[in-house]
Amino acid sequence: MSVREVWKLAGREVEVKNLNKVFWPEHGYTKGEMLHYYREVAPVLLPYLRGRPLTLVMCPDGIGGGCYIRRKRPDYAPDWLPYLLYNPKTKSGRVPLILAENEAQLIWLANQAAVEFHVWSSTTADLAHPTWLVLDLDPGEETSFATVLQAALAVKEELASLGLQGWPKTSGGRGLHVWLPLEPGRYSHAEARAWAKAFAARLAEKSSGLIKLPHGATHRGAGVHVDYAQNGYGRNTVAPYSLRAKPGAPVSTPLGWDEVEAGGFAPADFNLETVPERLRRRGDLMQGMWEHPQRLADL
């Protein structure tokens, strides 16, 4: 029997349905649990989504039933779901890109089976200039998570030597992301990408094989690759507090550098069940990022 409810959110009535449908079969987590998760974390998730085009990973039959990518606002969306008309280079005509500004819009999208929320690094107000830069630490298949943490600390130390600060989070997979907030309107996407590549090359020279520049498939072999190509016009990164369509319902979770230094945890420790309680205890550990826009150092 399909379970349906109507939730009152941001002045709207949003129907949520199929709440007992299993989305993560290994652990039995349901669509209803996913929706309740997004409702609870909305106050900390939405600041990373607002005003940014979204890329969604849709899993209508759960993570084992086949997922797909959605960027275009569906024709059947309610008129209160916002969008940005965008001219992609690969298509003729304008495409309505999905936006989410409030809790009602977030839950409507999640009810359509959006499991993952990925965001642009620039906003609709200024698509040409990113407001953050991403250092994506992507481990090879032979690399332990402890080694990823070691690489993240090397990133932190090198950034500090340049007078810069980064904010770490788990990717929700085996890697880590370090975000650097940028001065608004200062850098193009190409400039941010070039800087990230130069920074990665600088680290690779110093790290004795720990950190590498990507060449071909980044998941092969040992070491930690810095995927600088995550920076670019129209590229997107999984948002903090987004679930992932992976076994165990992991969450891309902000970390404290103290946690990175201490280690002793695995990415799977941060999931649909544990993150809400963690937020109640520690709050949003990336929140301070918004107060520290930075100018990149010359390399």
C-alpha atoms as a PDB file:
ATOM      1  CA  MET A   1       0.000   0.000   0.000  1.00  0.00           C
ATOM      2  CA  SER A   2       1.373   3.383  -1.009  1.00  0.00           C
ATOM      3  CA  VAL A   3       1.676   5.841   1.893  1.00  0.00           C
ATOM      4  CA  ARG A   4       0.989   9.515   1.122  1.00  0.00           C
ATOM      5  CA  GLU A   5       1.066  12.654   3.223  1.00  0.00           C
ATOM      6  CA  VAL A   6       0.737  16.388   2.689  1.00  0.00           C
ATOM      7  CA  TRP A   7       3.437  18.507   4.301  1.00  0.00           C
ATOM      8  CA  LYS A   8       3.078  22.248   4.863  1.00  0.00           C
ATOM      9  CA  LEU A   9       6.397  23.822   3.877  1.00  0.00           C
ATOM     10  CA  ALA A  10       7.332  27.447   3.165  1.00  0.00           C
ATOM     11  CA  GLY A  11       3.689  28.407   2.767  1.00  0.00           C
ATOM     12  CA  ARG A  12       2.947  25.534   0.353  1.00  0.00           C
ATOM     13  CA  GLU A  13       1.237  22.190   0.649  1.00  0.00           C
ATOM     14  CA  VAL A  14       3.560  19.544  -0.794  1.00  0.00           C
ATOM     15  CA  GLU A  15       2.301  16.031  -1.384  1.00  0.00           C
ATOM     16  CA  VAL A  16       4.810  13.310  -0.604  1.00  0.00           C
ATOM     17  CA  LYS A  17       4.041   9.742  -1.587  1.00  0.00           C
ATOM     18  CA  ASN A  18       5.354   6.177  -1.739  1.00  0.00           C
ATOM     19  CA  LEU A  19       6.905   6.814   1.666  1.00  0.00           C
ATOM     20  CA  ASN A  20       7.328   3.111   2.442  1.00  0.00           C
ATOM     21  CA  LYS A  21       9.162   2.348  -0.819  1.00  0.00           C
ATOM     22  CA  VAL A  22      12.637   0.973  -0.110  1.00  0.00           C
ATOM     23  CA  PHE A  23      15.355   3.126  -1.698  1.00  0.00           C
ATOM     24  CA  TRP A  24      18.456   1.577  -0.063  1.00  0.00           C
ATOM     25  CA  PRO A  25      17.766  -2.171  -0.052  1.00  0.00           C
ATOM     26  CA  GLU A  26      20.918  -3.197   1.868  1.00  0.00           C
ATOM     27  CA  HIS A  27      19.801  -1.256   4.939  1.00  0.00           C
ATOM     28  CA  GLY A  28      16.075  -1.029   4.232  1.00  0.00           C
ATOM     29  CA  TYR A  29      16.029   2.770   4.182  1.00  0.00           C
ATOM     30  CA  THR A  30      12.857   4.072   2.573  1.00  0.00           C
ATOM     31  CA  LYS A  31      11.876   7.046   0.476  1.00  0.00           C
ATOM     32  CA  GLY A  32      10.016   8.371   3.514  1.00  0.00           C
ATOM     33  CA  GLU A  33      13.195   8.292   5.581  1.00  0.00           C
ATOM     34  CA  MET A  34      14.999  10.137   2.789  1.00  0.00           C
ATOM     35  CA  LEU A  35      12.322  12.825   2.691  1.00  0.00           C
ATOM     36  CA  HIS A  36      12.381  13.235   6.463  1.00  0.00           C
ATOM     37  CA  TYR A  37      16.166  13.530   6.304  1.00  0.00           C
ATOM     38  CA  TYR A  38      15.997  16.330   3.722  1.00  0.00           C
ATOM     39  CA  ARG A  39      13.283  18.090   5.697  1.00  0.00           C
ATOM     40  CA  GLU A  40      15.463  18.037   8.825  1.00  0.00           C
ATOM     41  CA  VAL A  41      18.696  19.202   7.157  1.00  0.00           C
ATOM     42  CA  ALA A  42      17.036  21.786   4.884  1.00  0.00           C
ATOM     43  CA  PRO A  43      18.178  24.774   7.022  1.00  0.00           C
ATOM     44  CA  VAL A  44      21.847  23.851   6.508  1.00  0.00           C
ATOM     45  CA  LEU A  45      21.583  22.385   3.002  1.00  0.00           C
ATOM     46  CA  LEU A  46      19.636  25.205   1.339  1.00  0.00           C
ATOM     47  CA  PRO A  47      22.335  27.900   1.752  1.00  0.00           C
ATOM     48  CA  TYR A  48      24.534  25.801  -0.562  1.00  0.00           C
ATOM     49  CA  LEU A  49      21.736  25.363  -3.135  1.00  0.00           C
ATOM     50  CA  ARG A  50      20.114  28.791  -3.308  1.00  0.00           C
ATOM     51  CA  GLY A  51      20.707  30.706  -6.506  1.00  0.00           C
ATOM     52  CA  ARG A  52      22.732  27.912  -8.114  1.00  0.00           C
ATOM     53  CA  PRO A  53      21.749  25.612 -10.991  1.00  0.00           C
ATOM     54  CA  LEU A  54      21.293  22.052  -9.768  1.00  0.00           C
ATOM     55  CA  THR A  55      22.158  18.676 -11.185  1.00  0.00           C
ATOM     56  CA  LEU A  56      20.089  15.902  -9.623  1.00  0.00           C
ATOM     57  CA  VAL A  57      20.650  12.168  -9.439  1.00  0.00           C
ATOM     58  CA  MET A  58      17.178  10.638  -9.777  1.00  0.00           C
ATOM     59  CA  CYS A  59      16.479   7.107  -8.522  1.00  0.00           C
ATOM     60  CA  PRO A  60      12.733   6.456  -8.934  1.00  0.00           C
ATOM     61  CA  ASP A  61      13.072   2.776  -8.010  1.00  0.00           C
ATOM     62  CA  GLY A  62      15.767   3.240  -5.386  1.00  0.00           C
ATOM     63  CA  ILE A  63      19.512   3.067  -5.835  1.00  0.00           C
ATOM     64  CA  GLY A  64      19.395  -0.488  -7.153  1.00  0.00           C
ATOM     65  CA  GLY A  65      16.745   0.188  -9.772  1.00  0.00           C
ATOM     66  CA  GLY A  66      18.730   2.417 -12.090  1.00  0.00           C
ATOM     67  CA  CYS A  67      19.438   6.127 -11.588  1.00  0.00           C
ATOM     68  CA  TYR A  68      19.793   8.963 -14.057  1.00  0.00           C
ATOM     69  CA  ILE A  69      20.923  12.589 -14.200  1.00  0.00           C
ATOM     70  CA  ARG A  70      18.438  15.466 -14.440  1.00  0.00           C
ATOM     71  CA  ARG A  71      19.384  19.083 -15.072  1.00  0.00           C
ATOM     72  CA  LYS A  72      16.309  20.260 -16.955  1.00  0.00           C
ATOM     73  CA  ARG A  73      13.243  21.356 -15.021  1.00  0.00           C
ATOM     74  CA  PRO A  74      10.457  18.851 -15.793  1.00  0.00           C
ATOM     75  CA  ASP A  75       7.474  20.123 -17.763  1.00  0.00           C
ATOM     76  CA  TYR A  76       5.090  18.881 -15.065  1.00  0.00           C
ATOM     77  CA  ALA A  77       6.786  20.888 -12.286  1.00  0.00           C
ATOM     78  CA  PRO A  78       4.572  23.330 -10.362  1.00  0.00           C
ATOM     79  CA  ASP A  79       4.821  26.967 -11.357  1.00  0.00           C
ATOM     80  CA  TRP A  80       6.472  27.749  -8.008  1.00  0.00           C
ATOM     81  CA  LEU A  81       9.553  25.637  -8.806  1.00  0.00           C
ATOM     82  CA  PRO A  82      12.101  28.208 -10.059  1.00  0.00           C
ATOM     83  CA  TYR A  83      14.451  27.786 -12.989  1.00  0.00           C
ATOM     84  CA  LEU A  84      17.112  29.540 -15.039  1.00  0.00           C
ATOM     85  CA  LEU A  85      16.946  29.645 -18.828  1.00  0.00           C
ATOM     86  CA  TYR A  86      20.384  28.602 -20.040  1.00  0.00           C
ATOM     87  CA  ASN A  87      22.007  28.327 -23.476  1.00  0.00           C
ATOM     88  CA  PRO A  88      24.222  25.205 -23.470  1.00  0.00           C
ATOM     89  CA  LYS A  89      26.952  25.044 -26.107  1.00  0.00           C
ATOM     90  CA  THR A  90      25.933  21.536 -27.141  1.00  0.00           C
ATOM     91  CA  LYS A  91      22.272  22.282 -27.868  1.00  0.00           C
ATOM     92  CA  SER A  92      20.223  24.844 -29.718  1.00  0.00           C
ATOM     93  CA  GLY A  93      17.699  26.798 -27.707  1.00  0.00           C
ATOM     94  CA  ARG A  94      17.482  27.533 -24.041  1.00  0.00           C
ATOM     95  CA  VAL A  95      17.171  24.876 -21.341  1.00  0.00           C
ATOM     96  CA  PRO A  96      15.380  25.552 -18.009  1.00  0.00           C
ATOM     97  CA  LEU A  97      17.872  24.579 -15.304  1.00  0.00           C
ATOM     98  CA  ILE A  98      16.460  23.541 -11.932  1.00  0.00           C
ATOM     99  CA  LEU A  99      16.787  25.794  -8.885  1.00  0.00           C
ATOM    100  CA  ALA A 100      15.734  25.279  -5.261  1.00  0.00           C
ATOM    101  CA  GLU A 101      15.330  28.280  -2.986  1.00  0.00           C
ATOM    102  CA  ASN A 102      13.235  26.973  -0.096  1.00  0.00           C
ATOM    103  CA  GLU A 103      12.147  23.874   1.792  1.00  0.00           C
ATOM    104  CA  ALA A 104       9.011  23.283  -0.292  1.00  0.00           C
ATOM    105  CA  GLN A 105      11.009  23.228  -3.534  1.00  0.00           C
ATOM    106  CA  LEU A 106      13.681  20.969  -2.021  1.00  0.00           C
ATOM    107  CA  ILE A 107      11.121  18.439  -0.791  1.00  0.00           C
ATOM    108  CA  TRP A 108       9.159  18.547  -4.052  1.00  0.00           C
ATOM    109  CA  LEU A 109      12.336  17.575  -5.904  1.00  0.00           C
ATOM    110  CA  ALA A 110      13.201  14.867  -3.377  1.00  0.00           C
ATOM    111  CA  ASN A 111       9.664  13.493  -3.716  1.00  0.00           C
ATOM    112  CA  GLN A 112      10.315  13.135  -7.448  1.00  0.00           C
ATOM    113  CA  ALA A 113      13.134  10.755  -6.353  1.00  0.00           C
ATOM    114  CA  ALA A 114      16.047  13.210  -6.379  1.00  0.00           C
ATOM    115  CA  VAL A 115      18.514  11.402  -4.124  1.00  0.00           C
ATOM    116  CA  GLU A 116      21.594  13.570  -4.830  1.00  0.00           C
ATOM    117  CA  PHE A 117      21.896  17.355  -5.168  1.00  0.00           C
ATOM    118  CA  HIS A 118      24.909  18.737  -7.037  1.00  0.00           C
ATOM    119  CA  VAL A 119      25.558  22.459  -7.452  1.00  0.00           C
ATOM    120  CA  TRP A 120      27.420  24.872  -9.695  1.00  0.00           C
ATOM    121  CA  SER A 121      30.226  26.887  -8.109  1.00  0.00           C
ATOM    122  CA  SER A 122      28.683  30.098  -9.486  1.00  0.00           C
ATOM    123  CA  THR A 123      25.296  31.690  -8.959  1.00  0.00           C
ATOM    124  CA  THR A 124      22.530  32.776 -11.309  1.00  0.00           C
ATOM    125  CA  ALA A 125      23.470  36.382 -10.547  1.00  0.00           C
ATOM    126  CA  ASP A 126      26.932  35.857 -12.068  1.00  0.00           C
ATOM    127  CA  LEU A 127      27.376  32.503 -13.811  1.00  0.00           C
ATOM    128  CA  ALA A 128      30.757  33.513 -15.230  1.00  0.00           C
ATOM    129  CA  HIS A 129      32.533  33.834 -11.872  1.00  0.00           C
ATOM    130  CA  PRO A 130      32.731  31.019  -9.285  1.00  0.00           C
ATOM    131  CA  THR A 131      32.262  31.788  -5.611  1.00  0.00           C
ATOM    132  CA  TRP A 132      34.319  28.771  -4.542  1.00  0.00           C
ATOM    133  CA  LEU A 133      37.072  26.526  -5.851  1.00  0.00           C
ATOM    134  CA  VAL A 134      37.060  22.762  -5.264  1.00  0.00           C
ATOM    135  CA  LEU A 135      40.053  20.532  -4.629  1.00  0.00           C
ATOM    136  CA  ASP A 136      38.629  17.043  -5.216  1.00  0.00           C
ATOM    137  CA  LEU A 137      40.841  14.423  -3.551  1.00  0.00           C
ATOM    138  CA  ASP A 138      40.124  11.218  -5.434  1.00  0.00           C
ATOM    139  CA  PRO A 139      41.845   8.049  -4.161  1.00  0.00           C
ATOM    140  CA  GLY A 140      43.153   5.278  -6.360  1.00  0.00           C
ATOM    141  CA  GLU A 141      41.679   1.832  -5.926  1.00  0.00           C
ATOM    142  CA  GLU A 142      44.671   0.724  -3.826  1.00  0.00           C
ATOM    143  CA  THR A 143      44.503   3.760  -1.534  1.00  0.00           C
ATOM    144  CA  SER A 144      43.098   3.664   2.001  1.00  0.00           C
ATOM    145  CA  PHE A 145      40.918   6.406   3.457  1.00  0.00           C
ATOM    146  CA  ALA A 146      43.637   7.066   6.045  1.00  0.00           C
ATOM    147  CA  THR A 147      45.877   8.019   3.119  1.00  0.00           C
ATOM    148  CA  VAL A 148      43.181  10.376   1.805  1.00  0.00           C
ATOM    149  CA  LEU A 149      43.146  12.091   5.201  1.00  0.00           C
ATOM    150  CA  GLN A 150      46.936  12.371   5.044  1.00  0.00           C
ATOM    151  CA  ALA A 151      46.648  14.016   1.619  1.00  0.00           C
ATOM    152  CA  ALA A 152      44.013  16.425   2.934  1.00  0.00           C
ATOM    153  CA  LEU A 153      46.371  17.531   5.696  1.00  0.00           C
ATOM    154  CA  ALA A 154      49.061  18.133   3.085  1.00  0.00           C
ATOM    155  CA  VAL A 155      46.551  20.317   1.207  1.00  0.00           C
ATOM    156  CA  LYS A 156      45.752  22.225   4.412  1.00  0.00           C
ATOM    157  CA  GLU A 157      49.435  22.823   5.146  1.00  0.00           C
ATOM    158  CA  GLU A 158      50.202  23.999   1.620  1.00  0.00           C
ATOM    159  CA  LEU A 159      47.193  26.320   1.592  1.00  0.00           C
ATOM    160  CA  ALA A 160      48.298  27.787   4.922  1.00  0.00           C
ATOM    161  CA  SER A 161      51.772  28.461   3.490  1.00  0.00           C
ATOM    162  CA  LEU A 162      50.022  30.598   0.854  1.00  0.00           C
ATOM    163  CA  GLY A 163      47.851  32.389   3.402  1.00  0.00           C
ATOM    164  CA  LEU A 164      44.734  30.482   2.342  1.00  0.00           C
ATOM    165  CA  GLN A 165      42.142  28.404   4.161  1.00  0.00           C
ATOM    166  CA  GLY A 166      40.072  25.456   2.972  1.00  0.00           C
ATOM    167  CA  TRP A 167      36.976  23.761   4.344  1.00  0.00           C
ATOM    168  CA  PRO A 168      36.917  19.922   4.087  1.00  0.00           C
ATOM    169  CA  LYS A 169      33.998  17.574   3.612  1.00  0.00           C
ATOM    170  CA  THR A 170      33.553  13.958   2.670  1.00  0.00           C
ATOM    171  CA  SER A 171      32.430  13.345  -0.874  1.00  0.00           C
ATOM    172  CA  GLY A 172      30.022  10.663   0.277  1.00  0.00           C
ATOM    173  CA  GLY A 173      32.257   8.197  -1.547  1.00  0.00           C
ATOM    174  CA  ARG A 174      35.877   7.316  -0.816  1.00  0.00           C
ATOM    175  CA  GLY A 175      37.299  10.813  -1.301  1.00  0.00           C
ATOM    176  CA  LEU A 176      37.339  14.252   0.249  1.00  0.00           C
ATOM    177  CA  HIS A 177      36.598  17.723  -1.088  1.00  0.00           C
ATOM    178  CA  VAL A 178      38.326  20.876   0.119  1.00  0.00           C
ATOM    179  CA  TRP A 179      36.438  24.066  -0.743  1.00  0.00           C
ATOM    180  CA  LEU A 180      38.065  27.489  -0.965  1.00  0.00           C
ATOM    181  CA  PRO A 181      35.653  30.458  -0.927  1.00  0.00           C
ATOM    182  CA  LEU A 182      36.617  33.084  -3.510  1.00  0.00           C
ATOM    183  CA  GLU A 183      36.172  36.826  -3.697  1.00  0.00           C
ATOM    184  CA  PRO A 184      32.966  37.393  -5.695  1.00  0.00           C
ATOM    185  CA  GLY A 185      33.429  38.369  -9.323  1.00  0.00           C
ATOM    186  CA  ARG A 186      37.226  38.124  -9.275  1.00  0.00           C
ATOM    187  CA  TYR A 187      38.000  34.855 -11.079  1.00  0.00           C
ATOM    188  CA  SER A 188      36.684  33.206 -14.210  1.00  0.00           C
ATOM    189  CA  HIS A 189      36.055  29.464 -14.187  1.00  0.00           C
ATOM    190  CA  ALA A 190      39.100  28.997 -16.418  1.00  0.00           C
ATOM    191  CA  GLU A 191      41.273  30.930 -13.968  1.00  0.00           C
ATOM    192  CA  ALA A 192      40.007  28.902 -11.014  1.00  0.00           C
ATOM    193  CA  ARG A 193      40.663  25.665 -12.870  1.00  0.00           C
ATOM    194  CA  ALA A 194      44.173  26.773 -13.907  1.00  0.00           C
ATOM    195  CA  TRP A 195      44.992  27.710 -10.313  1.00  0.00           C
ATOM    196  CA  ALA A 196      43.701  24.377  -8.995  1.00  0.00           C
ATOM    197  CA  LYS A 197      45.840  22.534 -11.552  1.00  0.00           C
ATOM    198  CA  ALA A 198      48.944  24.551 -10.666  1.00  0.00           C
ATOM    199  CA  PHE A 199      48.315  23.988  -6.965  1.00  0.00           C
ATOM    200  CA  ALA A 200      47.890  20.242  -7.519  1.00  0.00           C
ATOM    201  CA  ALA A 201      51.131  20.126  -9.527  1.00  0.00           C
ATOM    202  CA  ARG A 202      52.917  21.993  -6.730  1.00  0.00           C
ATOM    203  CA  LEU A 203      51.652  19.459  -4.179  1.00  0.00           C
ATOM    204  CA  ALA A 204      52.537  16.510  -6.390  1.00  0.00           C
ATOM    205  CA  GLU A 205      56.147  17.695  -6.608  1.00  0.00           C
ATOM    206  CA  LYS A 206      56.426  17.878  -2.825  1.00  0.00           C
ATOM    207  CA  SER A 207      54.486  14.816  -1.701  1.00  0.00           C
ATOM    208  CA  SER A 208      56.747  11.929  -2.804  1.00  0.00           C
ATOM    209  CA  GLY A 209      53.958  10.109  -4.627  1.00  0.00           C
ATOM    210  CA  LEU A 210      51.191  10.714  -2.106  1.00  0.00           C
ATOM    211  CA  ILE A 211      49.412  13.301  -4.257  1.00  0.00           C
ATOM    212  CA  LYS A 212      49.170  13.045  -8.037  1.00  0.00           C
ATOM    213  CA  LEU A 213      47.781  14.897 -10.998  1.00  0.00           C
ATOM    214  CA  PRO A 214      45.082  12.867 -12.762  1.00  0.00           C
ATOM    215  CA  HIS A 215      46.036  11.101 -15.965  1.00  0.00           C
ATOM    216  CA  GLY A 216      43.248   8.987 -17.413  1.00  0.00           C
ATOM    217  CA  ALA A 217      41.150   7.058 -14.886  1.00  0.00           C
ATOM    218  CA  THR A 218      41.781   8.573 -11.464  1.00  0.00           C
ATOM    219  CA  HIS A 219      40.641   5.483  -9.551  1.00  0.00           C
ATOM    220  CA  ARG A 220      43.543   3.303 -10.728  1.00  0.00           C
ATOM    221  CA  GLY A 221      46.571   2.444  -8.649  1.00  0.00           C
ATOM    222  CA  ALA A 222      47.808   4.067  -5.462  1.00  0.00           C
ATOM    223  CA  GLY A 223      47.970   7.668  -4.325  1.00  0.00           C
ATOM    224  CA  VAL A 224      45.450  10.472  -4.171  1.00  0.00           C
ATOM    225  CA  HIS A 225      44.617  12.420  -7.325  1.00  0.00           C
ATOM    226  CA  VAL A 226      43.603  16.071  -7.198  1.00  0.00           C
ATOM    227  CA  ASP A 227      40.828  16.312  -9.776  1.00  0.00           C
ATOM    228  CA  TYR A 228      41.178  19.992 -10.671  1.00  0.00           C
ATOM    229  CA  ALA A 229      38.770  19.553 -13.609  1.00  0.00           C
ATOM    230  CA  GLN A 230      35.857  19.749 -11.161  1.00  0.00           C
ATOM    231  CA  ASN A 231      36.365  23.488 -11.573  1.00  0.00           C
ATOM    232  CA  GLY A 232      34.861  24.773 -14.796  1.00  0.00           C
ATOM    233  CA  TYR A 233      31.876  26.528 -16.283  1.00  0.00           C
ATOM    234  CA  GLY A 234      28.844  24.310 -15.843  1.00  0.00           C
ATOM    235  CA  ARG A 235      30.711  21.752 -13.732  1.00  0.00           C
ATOM    236  CA  ASN A 236      29.086  20.737 -10.480  1.00  0.00           C
ATOM    237  CA  THR A 237      29.991  19.172  -7.149  1.00  0.00           C
ATOM    238  CA  VAL A 238      27.838  17.291  -4.678  1.00  0.00           C
ATOM    239  CA  ALA A 239      26.456  19.723  -2.118  1.00  0.00           C
ATOM    240  CA  PRO A 240      27.248  19.492   1.583  1.00  0.00           C
ATOM    241  CA  TYR A 241      24.582  17.366   3.298  1.00  0.00           C
ATOM    242  CA  SER A 242      23.425  15.724   0.078  1.00  0.00           C
ATOM    243  CA  LEU A 243      22.767  12.021   0.292  1.00  0.00           C
ATOM    244  CA  ARG A 244      24.528   9.750  -2.172  1.00  0.00           C
ATOM    245  CA  ALA A 245      23.001   6.951  -4.232  1.00  0.00           C
ATOM    246  CA  LYS A 246      25.403   4.430  -2.709  1.00  0.00           C
ATOM    247  CA  PRO A 247      24.949   1.544  -0.274  1.00  0.00           C
ATOM    248  CA  GLY A 248      24.411   2.724   3.284  1.00  0.00           C
ATOM    249  CA  ALA A 249      22.903   6.105   2.319  1.00  0.00           C
ATOM    250  CA  PRO A 250      26.134   8.068   2.911  1.00  0.00           C
ATOM    251  CA  VAL A 251      26.080  11.856   3.166  1.00  0.00           C
ATOM    252  CA  SER A 252      28.623  14.363   1.879  1.00  0.00           C
ATOM    253  CA  THR A 253      29.512  15.728   5.301  1.00  0.00           C
ATOM    254  CA  PRO A 254      31.540  18.776   6.393  1.00  0.00           C
ATOM    255  CA  LEU A 255      34.426  17.948   8.703  1.00  0.00           C
ATOM    256  CA  GLY A 256      36.543  19.821  11.189  1.00  0.00           C
ATOM    257  CA  TRP A 257      40.274  19.824  10.547  1.00  0.00           C
ATOM    258  CA  ASP A 258      40.584  18.364  14.041  1.00  0.00           C
ATOM    259  CA  GLU A 259      38.652  15.326  12.816  1.00  0.00           C
ATOM    260  CA  VAL A 260      40.835  15.022   9.723  1.00  0.00           C
ATOM    261  CA  GLU A 261      43.937  15.103  11.932  1.00  0.00           C
ATOM    262  CA  ALA A 262      42.552  12.580  14.440  1.00  0.00           C
ATOM    263  CA  GLY A 263      41.248  10.137  11.794  1.00  0.00           C
ATOM    264  CA  GLY A 264      39.701   6.920  13.005  1.00  0.00           C
ATOM    265  CA  PHE A 265      36.503   7.227  10.983  1.00  0.00           C
ATOM    266  CA  ALA A 266      35.197   6.110   7.615  1.00  0.00           C
ATOM    267  CA  PRO A 267      33.016   8.029   5.125  1.00  0.00           C
ATOM    268  CA  ALA A 268      30.203   5.535   5.718  1.00  0.00           C
ATOM    269  CA  ASP A 269      29.990   6.718   9.339  1.00  0.00           C
ATOM    270  CA  PHE A 270      28.183   9.824   8.048  1.00  0.00           C
ATOM    271  CA  ASN A 271      24.829   8.706   6.726  1.00  0.00           C
ATOM    272  CA  LEU A 272      21.083   9.270   6.673  1.00  0.00           C
ATOM    273  CA  GLU A 273      20.764   8.120  10.297  1.00  0.00           C
ATOM    274  CA  THR A 274      23.822   9.740  11.895  1.00  0.00           C
ATOM    275  CA  VAL A 275      24.144  13.160  10.258  1.00  0.00           C
ATOM    276  CA  PRO A 276      21.052  14.822  11.791  1.00  0.00           C
ATOM    277  CA  GLU A 277      22.331  14.023  15.306  1.00  0.00           C
ATOM    278  CA  ARG A 278      25.811  15.192  14.334  1.00  0.00           C
ATOM    279  CA  LEU A 279      24.318  18.506  13.193  1.00  0.00           C
ATOM    280  CA  ARG A 280      22.550  18.909  16.513  1.00  0.00           C
ATOM    281  CA  ARG A 281      25.865  18.396  18.306  1.00  0.00           C
ATOM    282  CA  ARG A 282      28.320  20.270  16.095  1.00  0.00           C
ATOM    283  CA  GLY A 283      26.327  22.449  13.730  1.00  0.00           C
ATOM    284  CA  ASP A 284      27.386  23.173  10.149  1.00  0.00           C
ATOM    285  CA  LEU A 285      31.185  23.016  10.139  1.00  0.00           C
ATOM    286  CA  MET A 286      31.376  24.782   6.764  1.00  0.00           C
ATOM    287  CA  GLN A 287      29.225  27.722   7.792  1.00  0.00           C
ATOM    288  CA  GLY A 288      32.234  29.939   8.486  1.00  0.00           C
ATOM    289  CA  MET A 289      33.318  29.603   4.859  1.00  0.00           C
ATOM    290  CA  TRP A 290      30.841  32.283   3.780  1.00  0.00           C
ATOM    291  CA  GLU A 291      32.603  34.863   5.956  1.00  0.00           C
ATOM    292  CA  HIS A 292      36.058  34.323   4.440  1.00  0.00           C
ATOM    293  CA  PRO A 293      36.109  35.017   0.682  1.00  0.00           C
ATOM    294  CA  GLN A 294      39.702  34.771  -0.487  1.00  0.00           C
ATOM    295  CA  ARG A 295      42.038  36.066  -3.162  1.00  0.00           C
ATOM    296  CA  LEU A 296      44.145  33.263  -4.612  1.00  0.00           C
ATOM    297  CA  ALA A 297      47.893  33.475  -4.110  1.00  0.00           C
ATOM    298  CA  ASP A 298      50.212  33.609  -7.106  1.00  0.00           C
ATOM    299  CA  LEU A 299      51.793  30.251  -7.899  1.00  0.00           C
END
